[in-house]
């Protein structure tokens, strides 16, 4: 994921100024979040510090009162507003139940949204991280339909290693143009 940041360019308008950090939102829990935090600790990308924001969605009991439901919606709205301020957002598999509402919250913003959840790119995620068990390597599946709605640019060096897909707007149907990362 560090290389994904390194090979992605965000428009200058997505930063307050030339010293603003690159902000990464990490939603949920899991080993990938811990590994990413360790990998970026103290590092910079293009002169910008990397700031990690850890987020966990609140839970709502099925027998919640109306006030608890209001508080829950307000908390989710705050999370969505915070994620719109991020440059990259990682959605853990455990947090996929919130993906539909998060997708709507960030879809008109220059946010690179990634996950290692199977089928994430097909469900309108920008980048799906896949483990190639045969080669023991991380593969990327990039949804060009989603990427092209942003002003983000992923360098050709990384694109050439990725599986590229296109999905109809807001659909779960997919057509693949490349099936596997070359050796």
N, C-alpha and C. Protein backbone atom coordinates (compact mmCIF):
# COMPACT_ATOMS: atom_id res chain seq x y z
N UNK A 1 0.82 -1.20 0.00
CA UNK A 1 0.00 0.00 0.00
C UNK A 1 0.86 1.26 0.00
N UNK A 2 2.06 1.18 0.57
CA UNK A 2 2.94 2.35 0.53
C UNK A 2 3.31 2.67 -0.92
N UNK A 3 3.62 1.64 -1.72
CA UNK A 3 3.94 1.88 -3.12
C UNK A 3 2.74 2.42 -3.89
N UNK A 4 1.56 2.03 -3.49
CA UNK A 4 0.36 2.56 -4.14
C UNK A 4 0.29 4.07 -3.93
N UNK A 5 0.61 4.52 -2.74
CA UNK A 5 0.65 5.96 -2.47
C UNK A 5 1.76 6.61 -3.28
N UNK A 6 2.92 5.96 -3.30
CA UNK A 6 4.09 6.50 -3.99
C UNK A 6 3.83 6.69 -5.49
N UNK A 7 3.07 5.81 -6.09
CA UNK A 7 2.82 5.86 -7.53
C UNK A 7 1.49 6.53 -7.89
N UNK A 8 0.85 7.17 -6.94
CA UNK A 8 -0.40 7.90 -7.19
C UNK A 8 -0.15 9.39 -7.03
N UNK A 9 -0.73 10.17 -7.91
CA UNK A 9 -0.63 11.62 -7.83
C UNK A 9 -2.02 12.20 -7.58
N UNK A 10 -2.10 13.04 -6.57
CA UNK A 10 -3.33 13.75 -6.25
C UNK A 10 -3.22 15.17 -6.78
N UNK A 11 -4.34 15.78 -7.17
CA UNK A 11 -4.28 17.17 -7.62
C UNK A 11 -3.86 18.08 -6.45
N UNK A 12 -3.12 19.12 -6.75
CA UNK A 12 -2.68 20.05 -5.70
C UNK A 12 -3.86 20.62 -4.93
N UNK A 13 -5.01 20.75 -5.59
CA UNK A 13 -6.20 21.30 -4.92
C UNK A 13 -6.71 20.40 -3.80
N UNK A 14 -6.24 19.16 -3.72
CA UNK A 14 -6.67 18.28 -2.65
C UNK A 14 -5.86 18.47 -1.36
N UNK A 15 -4.90 19.39 -1.41
CA UNK A 15 -4.09 19.72 -0.23
C UNK A 15 -4.31 21.19 0.12
N UNK A 16 -4.28 21.50 1.42
CA UNK A 16 -4.44 22.88 1.85
C UNK A 16 -3.27 23.74 1.38
N UNK A 17 -2.06 23.21 1.51
CA UNK A 17 -0.86 23.94 1.06
C UNK A 17 0.25 22.93 0.79
N UNK A 18 1.43 23.44 0.45
CA UNK A 18 2.53 22.56 0.04
C UNK A 18 3.11 21.73 1.19
N UNK A 19 2.77 22.07 2.42
CA UNK A 19 3.28 21.30 3.56
C UNK A 19 2.23 20.40 4.20
N UNK A 20 1.02 20.41 3.66
CA UNK A 20 -0.06 19.58 4.21
C UNK A 20 0.29 18.10 4.09
N UNK A 21 -0.08 17.31 5.09
CA UNK A 21 0.22 15.88 5.01
C UNK A 21 -0.68 15.15 4.02
N UNK A 22 -0.25 13.97 3.62
CA UNK A 22 -1.08 13.07 2.85
C UNK A 22 -1.83 12.25 3.89
N UNK A 23 -3.15 12.32 3.88
CA UNK A 23 -3.97 11.72 4.94
C UNK A 23 -4.56 10.40 4.46
N UNK A 24 -4.33 9.36 5.26
CA UNK A 24 -4.85 8.03 4.96
C UNK A 24 -5.83 7.63 6.05
N UNK A 25 -7.06 7.36 5.66
CA UNK A 25 -8.07 6.86 6.58
C UNK A 25 -8.06 5.35 6.57
N UNK A 26 -8.06 4.74 7.73
CA UNK A 26 -8.06 3.28 7.86
C UNK A 26 -9.33 2.92 8.63
N UNK A 27 -10.26 2.26 7.93
CA UNK A 27 -11.54 1.95 8.54
C UNK A 27 -11.56 0.49 8.97
N UNK A 28 -11.79 0.29 10.25
CA UNK A 28 -11.89 -1.06 10.79
C UNK A 28 -10.67 -1.46 11.56
N UNK A 29 -10.43 -2.78 11.59
CA UNK A 29 -9.30 -3.34 12.31
C UNK A 29 -8.70 -4.44 11.45
N UNK A 30 -7.56 -4.93 11.88
CA UNK A 30 -6.98 -6.06 11.18
C UNK A 30 -5.49 -5.93 10.98
N UNK A 31 -4.86 -7.02 10.57
CA UNK A 31 -3.41 -7.04 10.44
C UNK A 31 -2.88 -6.09 9.36
N UNK A 32 -3.63 -5.88 8.29
CA UNK A 32 -3.15 -4.99 7.24
C UNK A 32 -3.03 -3.55 7.74
N UNK A 33 -3.91 -3.15 8.61
CA UNK A 33 -3.85 -1.80 9.19
C UNK A 33 -2.58 -1.66 10.03
N UNK A 34 -2.28 -2.67 10.84
CA UNK A 34 -1.07 -2.63 11.67
C UNK A 34 0.19 -2.59 10.80
N UNK A 35 0.22 -3.41 9.75
CA UNK A 35 1.37 -3.44 8.85
C UNK A 35 1.55 -2.09 8.15
N UNK A 36 0.45 -1.51 7.68
CA UNK A 36 0.53 -0.23 7.00
C UNK A 36 1.04 0.87 7.94
N UNK A 37 0.50 0.91 9.14
CA UNK A 37 0.96 1.93 10.09
C UNK A 37 2.46 1.81 10.35
N UNK A 38 2.94 0.61 10.50
CA UNK A 38 4.38 0.41 10.73
C UNK A 38 5.18 0.82 9.49
N UNK A 39 4.65 0.55 8.31
CA UNK A 39 5.37 0.87 7.07
C UNK A 39 5.50 2.36 6.82
N UNK A 40 4.52 3.14 7.25
CA UNK A 40 4.56 4.58 6.96
C UNK A 40 5.05 5.44 8.11
N UNK A 41 5.28 4.84 9.25
CA UNK A 41 5.71 5.61 10.43
C UNK A 41 6.96 6.43 10.10
N UNK A 42 6.83 7.74 10.22
CA UNK A 42 7.96 8.64 10.01
C UNK A 42 8.36 8.85 8.55
N UNK A 43 7.65 8.27 7.61
CA UNK A 43 8.02 8.39 6.19
C UNK A 43 7.28 9.55 5.55
N UNK A 44 7.84 9.99 4.43
CA UNK A 44 7.24 11.06 3.65
C UNK A 44 7.10 10.61 2.21
N UNK A 45 6.12 11.18 1.54
CA UNK A 45 5.91 10.96 0.12
C UNK A 45 5.92 12.33 -0.55
N UNK A 46 6.81 12.49 -1.49
CA UNK A 46 6.92 13.76 -2.23
C UNK A 46 6.97 14.95 -1.26
N UNK A 47 7.74 14.79 -0.19
CA UNK A 47 7.92 15.85 0.79
C UNK A 47 6.77 16.01 1.78
N UNK A 48 5.78 15.17 1.69
CA UNK A 48 4.62 15.29 2.59
C UNK A 48 4.65 14.16 3.63
N UNK A 49 4.41 14.52 4.87
CA UNK A 49 4.28 13.51 5.91
C UNK A 49 3.02 12.71 5.64
N UNK A 50 3.01 11.47 6.08
CA UNK A 50 1.81 10.64 5.95
C UNK A 50 1.13 10.60 7.31
N UNK A 51 -0.12 11.00 7.33
CA UNK A 51 -0.91 11.02 8.56
C UNK A 51 -1.97 9.92 8.46
N UNK A 52 -2.02 9.05 9.44
CA UNK A 52 -2.99 7.96 9.45
C UNK A 52 -4.10 8.27 10.44
N UNK A 53 -5.34 8.13 9.97
CA UNK A 53 -6.51 8.30 10.83
C UNK A 53 -7.21 6.95 10.95
N UNK A 54 -7.29 6.44 12.15
CA UNK A 54 -7.96 5.16 12.40
C UNK A 54 -9.42 5.44 12.73
N UNK A 55 -10.31 4.71 12.06
CA UNK A 55 -11.75 4.93 12.24
C UNK A 55 -12.43 3.59 12.44
N UNK A 56 -13.34 3.58 13.36
CA UNK A 56 -14.16 2.39 13.57
C UNK A 56 -15.61 2.85 13.58
N UNK A 57 -16.42 2.25 12.73
CA UNK A 57 -17.84 2.61 12.70
C UNK A 57 -18.51 2.19 14.00
N UNK A 58 -19.46 3.00 14.45
CA UNK A 58 -20.19 2.62 15.66
C UNK A 58 -21.15 1.47 15.34
N UNK A 59 -21.63 0.82 16.35
CA UNK A 59 -22.62 -0.24 16.16
C UNK A 59 -23.97 0.28 16.64
N UNK A 60 -25.01 -0.31 16.10
CA UNK A 60 -26.37 0.08 16.47
C UNK A 60 -27.16 -1.18 16.76
N UNK A 61 -27.65 -1.27 17.96
CA UNK A 61 -28.45 -2.44 18.34
C UNK A 61 -29.79 -2.42 17.62
N UNK A 62 -30.33 -3.57 17.33
CA UNK A 62 -31.62 -3.64 16.62
C UNK A 62 -32.75 -3.04 17.45
N UNK A 63 -32.60 -3.01 18.76
CA UNK A 63 -33.63 -2.43 19.62
C UNK A 63 -33.26 -1.02 20.08
N UNK A 64 -32.47 -0.31 19.29
CA UNK A 64 -32.02 1.03 19.67
C UNK A 64 -33.19 2.01 19.74
N UNK A 65 -33.07 2.96 20.64
CA UNK A 65 -34.09 4.00 20.76
C UNK A 65 -33.93 4.99 19.61
N UNK A 66 -34.90 5.84 19.44
CA UNK A 66 -34.83 6.86 18.37
C UNK A 66 -33.63 7.78 18.60
N UNK A 67 -33.34 8.14 19.84
CA UNK A 67 -32.18 8.99 20.12
C UNK A 67 -30.88 8.28 19.78
N UNK A 68 -30.79 7.00 20.09
CA UNK A 68 -29.59 6.22 19.75
C UNK A 68 -29.42 6.14 18.23
N UNK A 69 -30.52 6.03 17.50
CA UNK A 69 -30.46 6.00 16.03
C UNK A 69 -29.98 7.34 15.49
N UNK A 70 -30.46 8.42 16.08
CA UNK A 70 -30.01 9.76 15.67
C UNK A 70 -28.52 9.93 15.93
N UNK A 71 -28.08 9.51 17.12
CA UNK A 71 -26.66 9.62 17.47
C UNK A 71 -25.80 8.78 16.53
N UNK A 72 -26.29 7.60 16.19
CA UNK A 72 -25.58 6.72 15.26
C UNK A 72 -25.44 7.41 13.90
N UNK A 73 -26.53 7.94 13.36
CA UNK A 73 -26.47 8.61 12.05
C UNK A 73 -25.52 9.81 12.09
N UNK A 74 -25.54 10.56 13.19
CA UNK A 74 -24.64 11.71 13.32
C UNK A 74 -23.18 11.26 13.34
N UNK A 75 -22.90 10.16 14.05
CA UNK A 75 -21.53 9.63 14.10
C UNK A 75 -21.08 9.16 12.73
N UNK A 76 -21.94 8.47 11.99
CA UNK A 76 -21.61 8.00 10.64
C UNK A 76 -21.38 9.19 9.71
N UNK A 77 -22.20 10.22 9.83
CA UNK A 77 -22.01 11.42 9.00
C UNK A 77 -20.68 12.09 9.29
N UNK A 78 -20.26 12.11 10.55
CA UNK A 78 -18.95 12.67 10.91
C UNK A 78 -17.82 11.85 10.30
N UNK A 79 -17.96 10.53 10.35
CA UNK A 79 -16.95 9.65 9.74
C UNK A 79 -16.86 9.93 8.24
N UNK A 80 -17.99 10.03 7.57
CA UNK A 80 -17.99 10.28 6.13
C UNK A 80 -17.36 11.63 5.80
N UNK A 81 -17.65 12.64 6.58
CA UNK A 81 -17.04 13.96 6.35
C UNK A 81 -15.53 13.87 6.54
N UNK A 82 -15.10 13.14 7.54
CA UNK A 82 -13.67 12.96 7.78
C UNK A 82 -13.00 12.20 6.64
N UNK A 83 -13.66 11.17 6.12
CA UNK A 83 -13.08 10.37 5.03
C UNK A 83 -13.00 11.18 3.73
N UNK A 84 -13.90 12.13 3.53
CA UNK A 84 -13.81 12.99 2.34
C UNK A 84 -12.58 13.88 2.38
N UNK A 85 -12.02 14.10 3.56
CA UNK A 85 -10.81 14.91 3.72
C UNK A 85 -9.54 14.07 3.55
N UNK A 86 -9.70 12.77 3.41
CA UNK A 86 -8.55 11.88 3.24
C UNK A 86 -8.15 11.81 1.77
N UNK A 87 -6.91 11.42 1.54
CA UNK A 87 -6.42 11.20 0.18
C UNK A 87 -6.59 9.74 -0.21
N UNK A 88 -6.41 8.86 0.76
CA UNK A 88 -6.62 7.44 0.54
C UNK A 88 -7.40 6.89 1.72
N UNK A 89 -8.32 5.97 1.43
CA UNK A 89 -9.09 5.31 2.49
C UNK A 89 -9.00 3.82 2.27
N UNK A 90 -8.60 3.11 3.31
CA UNK A 90 -8.60 1.65 3.31
C UNK A 90 -9.82 1.17 4.07
N UNK A 91 -10.60 0.26 3.45
CA UNK A 91 -11.79 -0.30 4.08
C UNK A 91 -11.49 -1.77 4.39
N UNK A 92 -11.45 -2.11 5.68
CA UNK A 92 -11.16 -3.49 6.06
C UNK A 92 -12.35 -4.39 5.72
N UNK A 93 -12.10 -5.67 5.52
CA UNK A 93 -13.20 -6.60 5.23
C UNK A 93 -14.30 -6.55 6.30
N UNK A 94 -13.92 -6.32 7.55
CA UNK A 94 -14.89 -6.27 8.64
C UNK A 94 -15.81 -5.05 8.55
N UNK A 95 -15.41 -4.06 7.77
CA UNK A 95 -16.20 -2.82 7.67
C UNK A 95 -16.99 -2.72 6.37
N UNK A 96 -17.03 -3.78 5.60
CA UNK A 96 -17.70 -3.73 4.30
C UNK A 96 -19.20 -3.48 4.41
N UNK A 97 -19.79 -3.74 5.56
CA UNK A 97 -21.23 -3.47 5.71
C UNK A 97 -21.51 -1.97 5.56
N UNK A 98 -20.50 -1.14 5.75
CA UNK A 98 -20.66 0.32 5.63
C UNK A 98 -20.24 0.83 4.25
N UNK A 99 -19.78 -0.05 3.36
CA UNK A 99 -19.21 0.38 2.08
C UNK A 99 -20.19 1.17 1.21
N UNK A 100 -21.44 0.76 1.12
CA UNK A 100 -22.39 1.44 0.25
C UNK A 100 -22.56 2.91 0.65
N UNK A 101 -22.70 3.18 1.93
CA UNK A 101 -22.88 4.57 2.35
C UNK A 101 -21.56 5.35 2.25
N UNK A 102 -20.44 4.70 2.54
CA UNK A 102 -19.14 5.37 2.40
C UNK A 102 -18.87 5.70 0.94
N UNK A 103 -19.19 4.78 0.05
CA UNK A 103 -18.98 5.01 -1.39
C UNK A 103 -19.73 6.26 -1.84
N UNK A 104 -20.95 6.40 -1.43
CA UNK A 104 -21.72 7.60 -1.78
C UNK A 104 -21.09 8.86 -1.20
N UNK A 105 -20.53 8.75 -0.01
CA UNK A 105 -19.95 9.92 0.66
C UNK A 105 -18.69 10.42 -0.04
N UNK A 106 -17.90 9.52 -0.64
CA UNK A 106 -16.61 9.93 -1.22
C UNK A 106 -16.60 9.95 -2.74
N UNK A 107 -17.69 9.55 -3.40
CA UNK A 107 -17.64 9.33 -4.84
C UNK A 107 -17.34 10.57 -5.67
N UNK A 108 -17.60 11.75 -5.21
CA UNK A 108 -17.29 12.96 -5.97
C UNK A 108 -16.06 13.68 -5.44
N UNK A 109 -15.20 12.94 -4.78
CA UNK A 109 -13.99 13.51 -4.19
C UNK A 109 -12.77 12.73 -4.69
N UNK A 110 -11.62 13.35 -4.65
CA UNK A 110 -10.39 12.71 -5.11
C UNK A 110 -9.79 11.84 -4.02
N UNK A 111 -10.51 10.76 -3.71
CA UNK A 111 -10.11 9.83 -2.66
C UNK A 111 -9.85 8.47 -3.30
N UNK A 112 -8.68 7.93 -3.08
CA UNK A 112 -8.32 6.60 -3.54
C UNK A 112 -8.81 5.62 -2.49
N UNK A 113 -9.81 4.80 -2.83
CA UNK A 113 -10.40 3.88 -1.86
C UNK A 113 -9.95 2.47 -2.18
N UNK A 114 -9.34 1.82 -1.20
CA UNK A 114 -8.78 0.49 -1.40
C UNK A 114 -9.29 -0.49 -0.34
N UNK A 115 -9.23 -1.77 -0.68
CA UNK A 115 -9.59 -2.82 0.28
C UNK A 115 -9.00 -4.13 -0.20
N UNK A 116 -8.84 -5.05 0.72
CA UNK A 116 -8.44 -6.40 0.37
C UNK A 116 -9.63 -7.35 0.43
N UNK A 117 -10.83 -6.81 0.39
CA UNK A 117 -12.04 -7.60 0.37
C UNK A 117 -12.27 -8.15 -1.03
N UNK A 118 -12.45 -9.46 -1.18
CA UNK A 118 -12.71 -10.01 -2.51
C UNK A 118 -13.92 -9.34 -3.17
N UNK A 119 -13.76 -8.94 -4.42
CA UNK A 119 -14.84 -8.31 -5.17
C UNK A 119 -14.95 -6.81 -4.95
N UNK A 120 -14.02 -6.21 -4.20
CA UNK A 120 -14.13 -4.79 -3.88
C UNK A 120 -14.12 -3.91 -5.13
N UNK A 121 -13.23 -4.17 -6.06
CA UNK A 121 -13.17 -3.36 -7.27
C UNK A 121 -14.47 -3.49 -8.07
N UNK A 122 -15.04 -4.66 -8.08
CA UNK A 122 -16.31 -4.88 -8.79
C UNK A 122 -17.46 -4.11 -8.14
N UNK A 123 -17.34 -3.83 -6.84
CA UNK A 123 -18.40 -3.11 -6.13
C UNK A 123 -18.10 -1.62 -6.06
N UNK A 124 -17.41 -1.10 -7.08
CA UNK A 124 -17.12 0.32 -7.23
C UNK A 124 -16.01 0.84 -6.33
N UNK A 125 -15.16 -0.04 -5.81
CA UNK A 125 -13.96 0.39 -5.11
C UNK A 125 -12.91 0.77 -6.15
N UNK A 126 -11.96 1.61 -5.79
CA UNK A 126 -10.94 2.03 -6.75
C UNK A 126 -9.90 0.94 -6.94
N UNK A 127 -9.36 0.41 -5.85
CA UNK A 127 -8.30 -0.59 -5.95
C UNK A 127 -8.59 -1.73 -4.97
N UNK A 128 -8.52 -2.95 -5.50
CA UNK A 128 -8.63 -4.14 -4.68
C UNK A 128 -7.25 -4.77 -4.56
N UNK A 129 -6.84 -5.05 -3.35
CA UNK A 129 -5.57 -5.72 -3.09
C UNK A 129 -5.83 -7.22 -3.02
N UNK A 130 -5.11 -7.99 -3.83
CA UNK A 130 -5.31 -9.44 -3.87
C UNK A 130 -3.97 -10.12 -3.62
N UNK A 131 -4.01 -11.23 -2.94
CA UNK A 131 -2.81 -12.02 -2.74
C UNK A 131 -2.80 -13.13 -3.77
N UNK A 132 -1.74 -13.18 -4.56
CA UNK A 132 -1.57 -14.26 -5.53
C UNK A 132 -0.87 -15.39 -4.78
N UNK A 133 -1.62 -16.41 -4.44
CA UNK A 133 -1.07 -17.51 -3.63
C UNK A 133 0.03 -18.28 -4.34
N UNK A 134 -0.05 -18.39 -5.67
CA UNK A 134 0.99 -19.12 -6.40
C UNK A 134 2.32 -18.40 -6.33
N UNK A 135 2.30 -17.10 -6.45
CA UNK A 135 3.56 -16.33 -6.47
C UNK A 135 3.86 -15.66 -5.13
N UNK A 136 2.95 -15.75 -4.19
CA UNK A 136 3.11 -15.10 -2.89
C UNK A 136 3.37 -13.61 -3.04
N UNK A 137 2.63 -12.99 -3.97
CA UNK A 137 2.78 -11.56 -4.22
C UNK A 137 1.43 -10.86 -4.13
N UNK A 138 1.48 -9.60 -3.82
CA UNK A 138 0.28 -8.78 -3.78
C UNK A 138 -0.04 -8.33 -5.19
N UNK A 139 -1.26 -8.50 -5.60
CA UNK A 139 -1.73 -8.05 -6.91
C UNK A 139 -2.72 -6.91 -6.70
N UNK A 140 -2.83 -6.05 -7.69
CA UNK A 140 -3.79 -4.97 -7.65
C UNK A 140 -4.84 -5.19 -8.73
N UNK A 141 -6.06 -4.89 -8.41
CA UNK A 141 -7.14 -4.86 -9.38
C UNK A 141 -7.67 -3.43 -9.34
N UNK A 142 -7.52 -2.70 -10.45
CA UNK A 142 -7.89 -1.28 -10.48
C UNK A 142 -9.15 -1.11 -11.32
N UNK A 143 -10.15 -0.46 -10.74
CA UNK A 143 -11.39 -0.18 -11.44
C UNK A 143 -11.24 1.17 -12.15
N UNK A 144 -11.02 1.12 -13.46
CA UNK A 144 -10.80 2.35 -14.23
C UNK A 144 -12.04 3.22 -14.30
N UNK A 145 -13.22 2.64 -14.25
CA UNK A 145 -14.45 3.43 -14.25
C UNK A 145 -14.45 4.38 -13.05
N UNK A 146 -14.08 3.86 -11.90
CA UNK A 146 -14.05 4.67 -10.67
C UNK A 146 -12.88 5.64 -10.72
N UNK A 147 -11.70 5.18 -11.10
CA UNK A 147 -10.52 6.03 -11.14
C UNK A 147 -10.73 7.23 -12.07
N UNK A 148 -11.34 7.02 -13.20
CA UNK A 148 -11.54 8.10 -14.17
C UNK A 148 -12.55 9.15 -13.71
N UNK A 149 -13.33 8.85 -12.69
CA UNK A 149 -14.25 9.86 -12.13
C UNK A 149 -13.51 10.83 -11.22
N UNK A 150 -12.25 10.55 -10.93
CA UNK A 150 -11.45 11.41 -10.05
C UNK A 150 -10.38 12.13 -10.88
N UNK A 151 -9.63 12.97 -10.21
CA UNK A 151 -8.46 13.61 -10.83
C UNK A 151 -7.17 12.91 -10.40
N UNK A 152 -7.29 11.71 -9.85
CA UNK A 152 -6.13 10.95 -9.42
C UNK A 152 -5.44 10.34 -10.63
N UNK A 153 -4.12 10.24 -10.55
CA UNK A 153 -3.34 9.62 -11.60
C UNK A 153 -2.47 8.54 -10.97
N UNK A 154 -2.56 7.33 -11.50
CA UNK A 154 -1.70 6.24 -11.06
C UNK A 154 -0.68 6.03 -12.17
N UNK A 155 0.59 6.05 -11.80
CA UNK A 155 1.66 5.98 -12.80
C UNK A 155 1.62 4.66 -13.57
N UNK A 156 2.07 4.74 -14.80
CA UNK A 156 2.01 3.60 -15.72
C UNK A 156 2.80 2.40 -15.20
N UNK A 157 3.88 2.63 -14.45
CA UNK A 157 4.65 1.51 -13.90
C UNK A 157 3.77 0.61 -13.04
N UNK A 158 2.90 1.20 -12.27
CA UNK A 158 2.01 0.43 -11.42
C UNK A 158 0.82 -0.11 -12.22
N UNK A 159 0.30 0.69 -13.11
CA UNK A 159 -0.84 0.25 -13.93
C UNK A 159 -0.48 -0.98 -14.75
N UNK A 160 0.75 -1.05 -15.24
CA UNK A 160 1.15 -2.19 -16.07
C UNK A 160 1.20 -3.49 -15.28
N UNK A 161 1.26 -3.41 -13.97
CA UNK A 161 1.29 -4.60 -13.11
C UNK A 161 -0.08 -5.00 -12.58
N UNK A 162 -1.09 -4.19 -12.88
CA UNK A 162 -2.41 -4.39 -12.29
C UNK A 162 -3.37 -5.08 -13.25
N UNK A 163 -4.35 -5.73 -12.67
CA UNK A 163 -5.50 -6.19 -13.43
C UNK A 163 -6.41 -4.97 -13.55
N UNK A 164 -6.80 -4.63 -14.76
CA UNK A 164 -7.64 -3.46 -15.01
C UNK A 164 -9.04 -3.94 -15.32
N UNK A 165 -10.02 -3.37 -14.62
CA UNK A 165 -11.41 -3.70 -14.92
C UNK A 165 -12.19 -2.41 -15.16
N UNK A 166 -13.31 -2.55 -15.81
CA UNK A 166 -14.27 -1.46 -15.99
C UNK A 166 -15.62 -2.00 -15.56
N UNK A 167 -16.35 -1.20 -14.83
CA UNK A 167 -17.69 -1.59 -14.42
C UNK A 167 -18.67 -0.55 -14.92
N UNK A 168 -19.88 -0.96 -15.26
CA UNK A 168 -20.90 0.04 -15.57
C UNK A 168 -21.08 0.92 -14.34
N UNK A 169 -21.47 2.15 -14.55
CA UNK A 169 -21.67 3.06 -13.42
C UNK A 169 -22.58 2.43 -12.38
N UNK A 170 -22.10 2.41 -11.13
CA UNK A 170 -22.85 1.93 -9.96
C UNK A 170 -23.47 0.57 -10.17
N UNK A 171 -22.67 -0.35 -10.65
CA UNK A 171 -23.13 -1.71 -10.89
C UNK A 171 -22.15 -2.70 -10.30
N UNK A 172 -22.57 -3.93 -10.19
CA UNK A 172 -21.66 -4.97 -9.74
C UNK A 172 -21.20 -5.84 -10.89
N UNK A 173 -21.56 -5.48 -12.13
CA UNK A 173 -21.13 -6.22 -13.30
C UNK A 173 -19.73 -5.78 -13.67
N UNK A 174 -18.92 -6.69 -14.16
CA UNK A 174 -17.53 -6.37 -14.43
C UNK A 174 -17.08 -6.99 -15.74
N UNK A 175 -16.14 -6.30 -16.41
CA UNK A 175 -15.47 -6.91 -17.56
C UNK A 175 -13.98 -6.72 -17.34
N UNK A 176 -13.23 -7.80 -17.43
CA UNK A 176 -11.79 -7.73 -17.18
C UNK A 176 -11.05 -7.54 -18.49
N UNK A 177 -9.98 -6.75 -18.44
CA UNK A 177 -9.15 -6.56 -19.61
C UNK A 177 -7.78 -7.17 -19.44
N UNK A 178 -7.45 -7.61 -18.26
CA UNK A 178 -6.17 -8.25 -18.00
C UNK A 178 -6.38 -9.18 -16.82
N UNK A 179 -5.93 -10.39 -16.91
CA UNK A 179 -6.32 -11.35 -15.89
C UNK A 179 -5.31 -11.53 -14.76
N UNK A 180 -4.04 -11.22 -14.99
CA UNK A 180 -3.09 -11.45 -13.91
C UNK A 180 -1.87 -10.57 -14.09
N UNK A 181 -1.23 -10.31 -12.99
CA UNK A 181 -0.02 -9.53 -12.98
C UNK A 181 1.08 -10.30 -13.69
N UNK A 182 1.81 -9.66 -14.62
CA UNK A 182 2.91 -10.37 -15.27
C UNK A 182 4.03 -10.65 -14.29
N UNK A 183 4.90 -11.64 -14.59
CA UNK A 183 5.99 -11.97 -13.65
C UNK A 183 6.95 -10.82 -13.46
